[in-house]
Amino acid sequence: MNEKAPTISSMESVRDRFSKTSTKNLKRLTIISSLVPHAIVATSILCRASLKTNTLFHAKFIDPLVSAEVITKQFSDKSNSLLAAVGLDVYGTMPDKKAHFVPVGCFFHSDLTSVEKTSPEFPLSALTYTFANETMNVDTGDFVLAILGSILENKANVISKELVETGTQNKLILPRKGIKIPGANFLPLETTFLNNIHPYLDGLSGVPKTCQKVFTDADLPYSKRAKPLSQLTNEEATQLTSALLPYLSAGTIPRILGSDYELPMENPASPMRYTSSIASLGQFIWSQKMMGLFLGILIGDRARQLSSLVERYIEYSNNTIKGVQNLSVVMNETESQILSSDLFVSISNLDIPDTTFADVGRILLETTLENKKFVVLRTSQSISIAWTKEFSLVPTMATFLERDIPLISTSSTSIRVLDSSDATHTKIMETIRHITTENVPS
């Protein structure tokens, strides 16, 4: 244990349990982590601690709801390892692995309809930080990651509050107010607004003419439009906010204006500086299954990997906006491809890459289809399903799995099924009808 590293006083109830974990002969740590962004942050703390103590580690990412059979297989033939599961809901009966198994934020339940979570009030990053602090070695950077993870997980509780307050008092994080938009400190102003999808700005995202009008209405000189938003003066930022307001919906305003945090340990122009930007990049990483890249960045490989991540994110955002625009045309011109009810819409025979459908579906439900609960987007290769935030990921996944529909998660409100047959599509639509009429727990 590193005596200089901060501790989390409100984690006292689990600190003693972790301190008794036998790690004397620990030579290898095997981590099976959920691919949800805050779980990846929590996993990075374990990886960083392993590096400090010369412990071999292997991290693998899987969907947040998995069967006990899958977990058992992942952990087989690793009797010399300490096994950690991070941020998973596991259904089925787990074998007795008490000697080596540490459920660091691992949630179990016996079947698909009854969820029993262990220590749900603990942010995952607080759990992994406390475990690493008691059994390995941590530093201030790991504590910052614990704070970041709790912010991304967004749990309003005593532990999250303590993490943020401690970080603020020690200037490890700084409160920030203003426009929250990915790229605010590292992309030119026009690029930032044109490619923004978190949140999508209806009428601005992907519309250069309107963006320029907003900048003109804000009286921003052309020299400032080529610089990041963070380089505007307070007066210029206020003018830009006023010019933006007419284009923001009631649901968008709190997502783009308000409180944010910055991490002073990061370079001022780094994509990892603002927590709101990290949250957006995390969602992109989830949808594109780039967890290894994100983990590498969190462990410490910044410059080269961050540059690659930003390039891919801009390309993805541009493709997502084009997808939204194309689908708007499809819905207006080809009614024969559309199956619709009061609560859902299904659009078939799409000739659009499905890699953007997690965000395309979300944006459609926030804009064109704002009165719907589900949208189904079907290509010749796959079927993507997106839903509104009132339906939580794990119970929704469970309902589809109960009906033998194989799937992968692509965000907290979307999944993809790699089978586009008529039979599967029919089964999916029946499941959605069940969810929307039976009020599946959220």
Protein backbone atom coordinates (compact mmCIF):
# COMPACT_ATOMS: atom_id res chain seq x y z
CA MET A 1 0.00 0.00 0.00
CA ASN A 2 1.24 3.49 -0.84
CA GLU A 3 0.91 5.58 2.33
CA LYS A 4 1.12 8.84 0.36
CA ALA A 5 -1.81 8.05 -1.85
CA PRO A 6 -5.19 9.50 -0.83
CA THR A 7 -7.74 7.17 0.70
CA ILE A 8 -11.52 7.28 0.41
CA SER A 9 -12.88 7.43 3.95
CA SER A 10 -16.42 6.50 2.96
CA MET A 11 -15.10 3.20 1.55
CA GLU A 12 -14.18 1.94 5.02
CA SER A 13 -16.68 -0.93 4.83
CA VAL A 14 -14.85 -2.57 1.92
CA ARG A 15 -11.29 -1.50 2.70
CA ASP A 16 -10.92 -4.09 5.44
CA ARG A 17 -12.22 -6.88 3.17
CA PHE A 18 -9.79 -5.92 0.42
CA SER A 19 -6.84 -5.66 2.83
CA LYS A 20 -7.36 -9.33 3.75
CA THR A 21 -7.13 -10.49 0.15
CA SER A 22 -4.10 -12.72 -0.22
CA THR A 23 -1.72 -11.17 -2.75
CA LYS A 24 1.57 -12.33 -1.23
CA ASN A 25 2.40 -14.62 -4.13
CA LEU A 26 0.47 -12.66 -6.73
CA LYS A 27 2.20 -12.96 -10.08
CA ARG A 28 -0.67 -12.32 -12.44
CA LEU A 29 -3.92 -10.38 -12.39
CA THR A 30 -6.66 -11.38 -14.83
CA ILE A 31 -9.35 -8.75 -15.33
CA ILE A 32 -12.65 -9.26 -17.13
CA SER A 33 -14.23 -5.84 -17.50
CA SER A 34 -17.45 -4.44 -18.85
CA LEU A 35 -16.86 -2.30 -21.92
CA VAL A 36 -18.85 0.59 -20.41
CA PRO A 37 -16.55 3.68 -20.28
CA HIS A 38 -16.53 4.12 -16.49
CA ALA A 39 -15.69 0.41 -16.10
CA ILE A 40 -12.70 0.83 -18.44
CA VAL A 41 -11.50 3.72 -16.27
CA ALA A 42 -11.89 1.50 -13.19
CA THR A 43 -9.96 -1.28 -14.94
CA SER A 44 -7.14 1.11 -15.86
CA ILE A 45 -6.50 1.73 -12.15
CA LEU A 46 -5.88 -2.00 -11.62
CA CYS A 47 -3.59 -2.12 -14.67
CA ARG A 48 -1.56 0.90 -13.54
CA ALA A 49 -1.22 -0.55 -10.04
CA SER A 50 -0.03 -3.84 -11.52
CA LEU A 51 2.67 -2.04 -13.49
CA LYS A 52 3.91 -0.33 -10.33
CA THR A 53 4.26 -3.66 -8.53
CA ASN A 54 5.69 -5.61 -11.50
CA THR A 55 2.59 -7.78 -11.63
CA LEU A 56 1.65 -9.32 -14.96
CA PHE A 57 -1.90 -8.47 -15.95
CA HIS A 58 -4.33 -9.28 -18.71
CA ALA A 59 -7.51 -7.26 -19.32
CA LYS A 60 -10.37 -8.39 -21.52
CA PHE A 61 -13.62 -6.54 -22.26
CA ILE A 62 -17.05 -8.07 -22.67
CA ASP A 63 -20.67 -6.92 -22.63
CA PRO A 64 -22.02 -5.78 -19.25
CA LEU A 65 -24.52 -8.67 -19.07
CA VAL A 66 -22.93 -12.11 -19.48
CA SER A 67 -23.67 -15.70 -18.54
CA ALA A 68 -21.88 -17.52 -15.74
CA GLU A 69 -20.72 -20.01 -18.39
CA VAL A 70 -18.89 -17.26 -20.28
CA ILE A 71 -17.24 -15.94 -17.11
CA THR A 72 -16.19 -19.44 -16.05
CA LYS A 73 -14.64 -20.04 -19.46
CA GLN A 74 -12.78 -16.72 -19.35
CA PHE A 75 -11.33 -17.57 -15.95
CA SER A 76 -10.50 -21.22 -16.70
CA ASP A 77 -6.87 -22.37 -16.57
CA LYS A 78 -5.84 -19.29 -14.60
CA SER A 79 -5.43 -20.87 -11.17
CA ASN A 80 -2.25 -18.88 -10.50
CA SER A 81 -3.98 -15.58 -11.16
CA LEU A 82 -6.01 -13.27 -9.02
CA LEU A 83 -9.27 -12.91 -10.91
CA ALA A 84 -11.17 -9.62 -10.97
CA ALA A 85 -14.50 -8.91 -12.64
CA VAL A 86 -15.29 -5.24 -13.11
CA GLY A 87 -18.75 -3.85 -13.73
CA LEU A 88 -20.49 -7.03 -14.87
CA ASP A 89 -23.96 -8.43 -14.35
CA VAL A 90 -23.61 -12.20 -14.43
CA TYR A 91 -26.60 -14.51 -14.73
CA GLY A 92 -26.49 -18.19 -13.82
CA THR A 93 -24.59 -20.04 -11.08
CA MET A 94 -20.97 -19.10 -10.50
CA PRO A 95 -18.53 -21.79 -9.32
CA ASP A 96 -16.79 -21.35 -5.98
CA LYS A 97 -13.65 -19.32 -6.69
CA LYS A 98 -13.26 -17.72 -3.26
CA ALA A 99 -9.55 -18.48 -3.11
CA HIS A 100 -8.73 -16.42 -6.16
CA PHE A 101 -11.86 -14.57 -7.23
CA VAL A 102 -12.32 -10.93 -6.26
CA PRO A 103 -15.65 -9.47 -7.44
CA VAL A 104 -14.44 -5.88 -7.76
CA GLY A 105 -17.76 -4.30 -8.60
CA CYS A 106 -19.01 -7.55 -10.10
CA PHE A 107 -22.78 -7.81 -9.91
CA PHE A 108 -24.44 -11.21 -9.87
CA HIS A 109 -27.96 -12.43 -10.32
CA SER A 110 -29.38 -15.94 -10.51
CA ASP A 111 -31.60 -15.51 -13.54
CA LEU A 112 -32.49 -13.00 -16.22
CA THR A 113 -35.39 -11.41 -14.37
CA SER A 114 -34.08 -11.01 -10.82
CA VAL A 115 -31.13 -8.65 -10.43
CA GLU A 116 -29.23 -8.58 -7.15
CA LYS A 117 -26.29 -6.22 -7.07
CA THR A 118 -23.40 -6.25 -4.63
CA SER A 119 -22.56 -2.82 -3.21
CA PRO A 120 -24.43 -0.85 -5.89
CA GLU A 121 -23.72 2.41 -4.05
CA PHE A 122 -19.98 2.14 -4.68
CA PRO A 123 -18.66 3.71 -7.90
CA LEU A 124 -16.61 1.11 -9.75
CA SER A 125 -13.51 3.30 -9.87
CA ALA A 126 -13.71 3.84 -6.10
CA LEU A 127 -13.82 0.06 -5.63
CA THR A 128 -10.83 -0.65 -7.88
CA TYR A 129 -8.85 2.25 -6.43
CA THR A 130 -9.49 1.06 -2.87
CA PHE A 131 -8.58 -2.51 -3.81
CA ALA A 132 -5.35 -1.40 -5.50
CA ASN A 133 -4.50 0.92 -2.60
CA GLU A 134 -4.87 -1.93 -0.10
CA THR A 135 -3.17 -4.70 -2.07
CA MET A 136 -0.77 -3.10 -4.55
CA ASN A 137 0.44 0.45 -5.15
CA VAL A 138 -1.31 3.61 -6.30
CA ASP A 139 -0.44 7.27 -6.80
CA THR A 140 -2.20 10.61 -7.26
CA GLY A 141 -2.83 9.90 -10.92
CA ASP A 142 -4.82 6.82 -9.95
CA PHE A 143 -6.89 8.89 -7.54
CA VAL A 144 -7.68 11.30 -10.39
CA LEU A 145 -8.85 8.31 -12.43
CA ALA A 146 -11.07 7.26 -9.51
CA ILE A 147 -12.63 10.73 -9.58
CA LEU A 148 -13.02 10.61 -13.38
CA GLY A 149 -14.67 7.19 -13.22
CA SER A 150 -17.18 8.34 -10.61
CA ILE A 151 -18.06 11.40 -12.72
CA LEU A 152 -18.61 9.23 -15.80
CA GLU A 153 -20.67 6.72 -13.80
CA ASN A 154 -22.74 9.65 -12.52
CA LYS A 155 -23.94 8.18 -9.23
CA ALA A 156 -25.22 10.76 -6.78
CA ASN A 157 -23.97 9.37 -3.46
CA VAL A 158 -21.65 10.07 -0.53
CA ILE A 159 -18.64 8.37 -2.11
CA SER A 160 -18.84 10.23 -5.42
CA LYS A 161 -19.32 13.49 -3.52
CA GLU A 162 -16.24 12.79 -1.37
CA LEU A 163 -14.13 12.00 -4.43
CA VAL A 164 -15.08 15.25 -6.18
CA GLU A 165 -14.69 17.35 -3.02
CA THR A 166 -11.27 15.86 -2.22
CA GLY A 167 -10.15 16.35 -5.80
CA THR A 168 -11.34 19.96 -5.83
CA GLN A 169 -9.74 20.79 -2.48
CA ASN A 170 -6.40 19.39 -3.66
CA LYS A 171 -6.75 21.00 -7.10
CA LEU A 172 -6.68 17.61 -8.80
CA ILE A 173 -9.85 18.62 -10.64
CA LEU A 174 -11.20 22.10 -11.28
CA PRO A 175 -14.88 23.06 -11.71
CA ARG A 176 -15.59 24.57 -15.10
CA LYS A 177 -18.65 26.35 -16.44
CA GLY A 178 -19.56 27.29 -19.97
CA ILE A 179 -20.20 25.44 -23.21
CA LYS A 180 -19.64 21.68 -22.87
CA ILE A 181 -18.85 20.32 -26.30
CA PRO A 182 -16.23 17.76 -27.43
CA GLY A 183 -13.23 19.53 -28.89
CA ALA A 184 -13.75 22.75 -26.94
CA ASN A 185 -10.06 22.95 -26.06
CA PHE A 186 -8.39 21.12 -28.95
CA LEU A 187 -10.36 21.62 -32.19
CA PRO A 188 -11.08 24.75 -34.27
CA LEU A 189 -14.42 26.31 -33.36
CA GLU A 190 -16.08 25.53 -36.71
CA THR A 191 -14.89 21.90 -36.67
CA THR A 192 -16.21 21.52 -33.13
CA PHE A 193 -19.75 22.64 -33.95
CA LEU A 194 -20.00 21.09 -37.41
CA ASN A 195 -19.07 17.63 -36.12
CA ASN A 196 -20.84 17.69 -32.79
CA ILE A 197 -23.04 14.70 -31.96
CA HIS A 198 -22.77 14.73 -28.14
CA PRO A 199 -25.26 16.29 -28.04
CA TYR A 200 -26.46 16.58 -31.61
CA LEU A 201 -27.39 20.18 -32.38
CA ASP A 202 -30.33 19.98 -34.75
CA GLY A 203 -29.88 22.59 -37.48
CA LEU A 204 -26.24 23.25 -36.54
CA SER A 205 -24.44 19.89 -36.64
CA GLY A 206 -23.39 19.29 -40.24
CA VAL A 207 -24.76 22.63 -41.48
CA PRO A 208 -21.83 25.04 -42.24
CA LYS A 209 -24.07 27.96 -43.24
CA THR A 210 -25.93 27.98 -39.92
CA CYS A 211 -22.71 27.61 -37.95
CA GLN A 212 -21.25 30.65 -39.69
CA LYS A 213 -24.44 32.59 -38.98
CA VAL A 214 -24.14 31.80 -35.26
CA PHE A 215 -20.51 32.96 -35.24
CA THR A 216 -21.49 36.14 -37.10
CA ASP A 217 -24.39 36.82 -34.71
CA ALA A 218 -21.91 36.38 -31.84
CA ASP A 219 -19.64 38.95 -33.53
CA LEU A 220 -16.68 36.55 -33.48
CA PRO A 221 -13.73 37.62 -35.66
CA TYR A 222 -12.63 35.10 -38.30
CA SER A 223 -9.29 34.64 -36.54
CA LYS A 224 -11.11 33.25 -33.47
CA ARG A 225 -13.21 30.84 -35.53
CA ALA A 226 -10.04 28.95 -36.44
CA LYS A 227 -9.12 28.53 -32.76
CA PRO A 228 -10.58 26.32 -30.00
CA LEU A 229 -13.57 27.51 -28.01
CA SER A 230 -11.42 27.63 -24.87
CA GLN A 231 -9.40 30.51 -26.36
CA LEU A 232 -12.37 32.88 -26.52
CA THR A 233 -12.48 35.73 -24.04
CA ASN A 234 -15.23 35.68 -21.40
CA GLU A 235 -17.11 38.32 -23.38
CA GLU A 236 -16.82 36.38 -26.64
CA ALA A 237 -17.94 33.15 -24.93
CA THR A 238 -20.97 34.94 -23.48
CA GLN A 239 -21.87 36.34 -26.91
CA LEU A 240 -21.54 32.89 -28.48
CA THR A 241 -23.79 31.37 -25.80
CA SER A 242 -26.46 33.99 -26.48
CA ALA A 243 -26.24 33.36 -30.24
CA LEU A 244 -26.55 29.61 -29.69
CA LEU A 245 -29.63 29.64 -27.46
CA PRO A 246 -32.23 30.00 -30.26
CA TYR A 247 -30.90 26.79 -31.81
CA LEU A 248 -30.97 24.70 -28.61
CA SER A 249 -33.94 22.59 -27.56
CA ALA A 250 -35.06 22.36 -23.94
CA GLY A 251 -33.43 18.94 -23.69
CA THR A 252 -30.17 20.08 -25.24
CA ILE A 253 -29.52 23.16 -23.08
CA PRO A 254 -28.49 21.35 -19.87
CA ARG A 255 -26.29 18.99 -21.90
CA ILE A 256 -24.31 21.74 -23.60
CA LEU A 257 -24.38 24.47 -20.95
CA GLY A 258 -23.55 24.09 -17.28
CA SER A 259 -21.08 22.43 -14.94
CA ASP A 260 -18.06 20.50 -16.11
CA TYR A 261 -14.64 19.59 -14.69
CA GLU A 262 -11.12 19.85 -16.02
CA LEU A 263 -8.09 17.79 -15.04
CA PRO A 264 -5.07 20.07 -14.42
CA MET A 265 -2.64 17.14 -14.70
CA GLU A 266 -3.46 16.97 -18.41
CA ASN A 267 -2.13 19.33 -21.06
CA PRO A 268 -4.49 22.34 -21.56
CA ALA A 269 -4.98 21.33 -25.21
CA SER A 270 -5.41 17.61 -24.50
CA PRO A 271 -8.66 15.77 -25.35
CA MET A 272 -8.33 14.32 -21.83
CA ARG A 273 -8.49 17.76 -20.17
CA TYR A 274 -12.30 18.15 -19.84
CA THR A 275 -14.45 15.40 -18.36
CA SER A 276 -17.30 16.18 -20.78
CA SER A 277 -14.98 15.50 -23.75
CA ILE A 278 -13.77 12.26 -22.16
CA ALA A 279 -17.39 11.16 -21.69
CA SER A 280 -18.11 11.73 -25.40
CA LEU A 281 -14.95 9.92 -26.50
CA GLY A 282 -15.87 7.06 -24.16
CA GLN A 283 -19.26 6.65 -25.85
CA PHE A 284 -17.56 6.60 -29.26
CA ILE A 285 -15.07 3.99 -28.04
CA TRP A 286 -17.90 1.79 -26.77
CA SER A 287 -19.82 1.89 -30.05
CA GLN A 288 -16.69 1.14 -32.09
CA LYS A 289 -15.28 -1.46 -29.69
CA MET A 290 -11.97 0.38 -29.26
CA MET A 291 -11.55 -0.45 -25.57
CA GLY A 292 -7.89 -1.40 -25.91
CA LEU A 293 -7.06 2.02 -27.36
CA PHE A 294 -8.90 3.78 -24.52
CA LEU A 295 -7.22 1.60 -21.90
CA GLY A 296 -3.80 2.38 -23.35
CA ILE A 297 -4.51 6.11 -23.16
CA LEU A 298 -5.71 5.84 -19.56
CA ILE A 299 -2.66 3.82 -18.55
CA GLY A 300 -0.43 6.56 -19.91
CA ASP A 301 0.16 6.31 -23.67
CA ARG A 302 -1.09 9.80 -24.52
CA ALA A 303 0.35 11.60 -27.55
CA ARG A 304 0.31 9.04 -30.36
CA GLN A 305 -2.88 7.22 -29.36
CA LEU A 306 -4.81 10.39 -28.56
CA SER A 307 -4.07 11.81 -31.99
CA SER A 308 -5.38 8.63 -33.61
CA LEU A 309 -8.47 8.65 -31.39
CA VAL A 310 -9.37 12.26 -32.26
CA GLU A 311 -8.99 11.64 -36.02
CA ARG A 312 -11.28 8.61 -35.80
CA TYR A 313 -13.80 10.47 -33.65
CA ILE A 314 -14.10 13.36 -36.13
CA GLU A 315 -14.55 10.93 -39.03
CA TYR A 316 -17.15 8.97 -37.05
CA SER A 317 -19.05 12.12 -36.08
CA ASN A 318 -19.12 13.28 -39.71
CA ASN A 319 -20.42 9.86 -40.84
CA THR A 320 -23.03 9.84 -38.08
CA ILE A 321 -24.38 13.24 -39.15
CA LYS A 322 -24.54 12.06 -42.79
CA GLY A 323 -26.39 8.96 -41.60
CA VAL A 324 -28.97 11.07 -39.76
CA GLN A 325 -29.46 13.27 -42.82
CA ASN A 326 -29.79 10.27 -45.15
CA LEU A 327 -32.29 8.54 -42.89
CA SER A 328 -34.40 11.69 -42.70
CA VAL A 329 -34.70 11.50 -46.50
CA VAL A 330 -35.48 7.75 -46.39
CA MET A 331 -38.28 8.25 -43.87
CA ASN A 332 -39.88 10.94 -46.03
CA GLU A 333 -39.61 9.14 -49.37
CA THR A 334 -39.83 5.35 -48.85
CA GLU A 335 -42.73 4.52 -46.58
CA SER A 336 -42.77 0.88 -47.78
CA GLN A 337 -39.57 0.25 -45.80
CA ILE A 338 -41.05 1.55 -42.55
CA LEU A 339 -43.01 -0.30 -39.86
CA SER A 340 -44.37 2.12 -37.30
CA SER A 341 -46.53 2.30 -34.19
CA ASP A 342 -47.13 4.89 -31.47
CA LEU A 343 -44.06 3.66 -29.58
CA PHE A 344 -41.54 2.45 -32.16
CA VAL A 345 -40.31 2.72 -35.76
CA SER A 346 -38.52 0.05 -37.79
CA ILE A 347 -36.71 1.02 -41.01
CA SER A 348 -35.49 -1.78 -43.31
CA ASN A 349 -33.35 -2.25 -46.44
CA LEU A 350 -30.93 0.47 -45.43
CA ASP A 351 -27.78 0.94 -47.48
CA ILE A 352 -25.94 2.82 -44.74
CA PRO A 353 -22.96 1.49 -42.66
CA ASP A 354 -24.31 0.18 -39.35
CA THR A 355 -21.20 1.24 -37.41
CA THR A 356 -22.81 4.62 -36.67
CA PHE A 357 -26.28 3.34 -35.74
CA ALA A 358 -25.80 3.62 -31.96
CA ASP A 359 -25.66 7.39 -32.30
CA VAL A 360 -27.84 7.68 -35.40
CA GLY A 361 -30.64 5.90 -33.54
CA ARG A 362 -30.17 8.04 -30.43
CA ILE A 363 -30.25 11.25 -32.47
CA LEU A 364 -33.38 10.21 -34.37
CA LEU A 365 -35.16 9.56 -31.06
CA GLU A 366 -34.04 12.98 -29.80
CA THR A 367 -35.16 14.84 -32.93
CA THR A 368 -37.28 13.42 -35.78
CA LEU A 369 -38.75 10.57 -33.71
CA GLU A 370 -38.94 12.36 -30.37
CA ASN A 371 -42.35 10.81 -29.56
CA LYS A 372 -41.11 7.23 -30.06
CA LYS A 373 -39.49 4.89 -27.52
CA PHE A 374 -37.57 2.54 -29.85
CA VAL A 375 -36.11 2.74 -33.34
CA VAL A 376 -34.94 -0.32 -35.30
CA LEU A 377 -32.48 0.13 -38.19
CA ARG A 378 -32.07 -2.88 -40.47
CA THR A 379 -29.42 -3.50 -43.13
CA SER A 380 -28.68 -6.67 -45.09
CA GLN A 381 -26.12 -7.66 -42.43
CA SER A 382 -27.48 -6.58 -39.07
CA ILE A 383 -30.30 -5.06 -37.04
CA SER A 384 -29.58 -2.19 -34.66
CA ILE A 385 -31.98 -1.23 -31.88
CA ALA A 386 -31.90 2.07 -29.98
CA TRP A 387 -34.21 3.28 -27.23
CA THR A 388 -34.85 6.23 -24.95
CA LYS A 389 -33.14 6.66 -21.58
CA GLU A 390 -36.18 5.51 -19.61
CA PHE A 391 -35.13 1.93 -20.41
CA SER A 392 -31.90 0.77 -18.75
CA LEU A 393 -29.35 -1.32 -20.60
CA VAL A 394 -29.09 -4.51 -18.53
CA PRO A 395 -32.84 -5.24 -18.12
CA THR A 396 -33.39 -4.45 -21.79
CA MET A 397 -30.54 -6.74 -22.87
CA ALA A 398 -31.90 -9.44 -20.56
CA THR A 399 -35.33 -9.29 -22.18
CA PHE A 400 -33.83 -9.83 -25.65
CA LEU A 401 -31.56 -12.62 -24.40
CA GLU A 402 -34.53 -14.38 -22.79
CA ARG A 403 -35.93 -14.70 -26.29
CA ASP A 404 -32.70 -16.17 -27.70
CA ILE A 405 -31.74 -13.04 -29.62
CA PRO A 406 -27.90 -12.86 -29.70
CA LEU A 407 -26.65 -9.31 -29.36
CA ILE A 408 -23.81 -6.94 -28.57
CA SER A 409 -24.17 -3.64 -26.75
CA THR A 410 -23.13 -0.47 -28.59
CA SER A 411 -24.10 2.13 -25.98
CA SER A 412 -26.17 2.46 -22.81
CA THR A 413 -29.26 2.75 -25.02
CA SER A 414 -28.52 0.54 -28.02
CA ILE A 415 -27.62 -2.96 -29.15
CA ARG A 416 -26.78 -4.66 -32.45
CA VAL A 417 -27.95 -8.08 -33.63
CA LEU A 418 -25.71 -9.69 -36.26
CA ASP A 419 -28.61 -11.44 -37.97
CA SER A 420 -30.90 -9.60 -40.37
CA SER A 421 -33.27 -12.44 -41.24
CA ASP A 422 -37.02 -11.91 -41.37
CA ALA A 423 -37.47 -14.35 -38.48
CA THR A 424 -35.08 -12.45 -36.24
CA HIS A 425 -36.61 -9.11 -37.20
CA THR A 426 -40.07 -10.44 -36.30
CA LYS A 427 -38.77 -11.70 -32.96
CA ILE A 428 -37.16 -8.34 -32.25
CA MET A 429 -40.37 -6.45 -32.98
CA GLU A 430 -42.34 -8.79 -30.71
CA THR A 431 -39.80 -8.22 -27.94
CA ILE A 432 -40.05 -4.44 -28.30
CA ARG A 433 -43.84 -4.67 -28.08
CA HIS A 434 -43.42 -6.67 -24.86
CA ILE A 435 -40.96 -4.16 -23.38
CA THR A 436 -43.08 -1.11 -24.20
CA THR A 437 -46.36 -2.65 -23.01
CA GLU A 438 -45.16 -4.62 -20.00
CA ASN A 439 -42.95 -1.85 -18.60
CA VAL A 440 -39.74 -3.86 -18.29
CA PRO A 441 -37.84 -2.55 -15.21
CA SER A 442 -35.48 0.30 -15.95
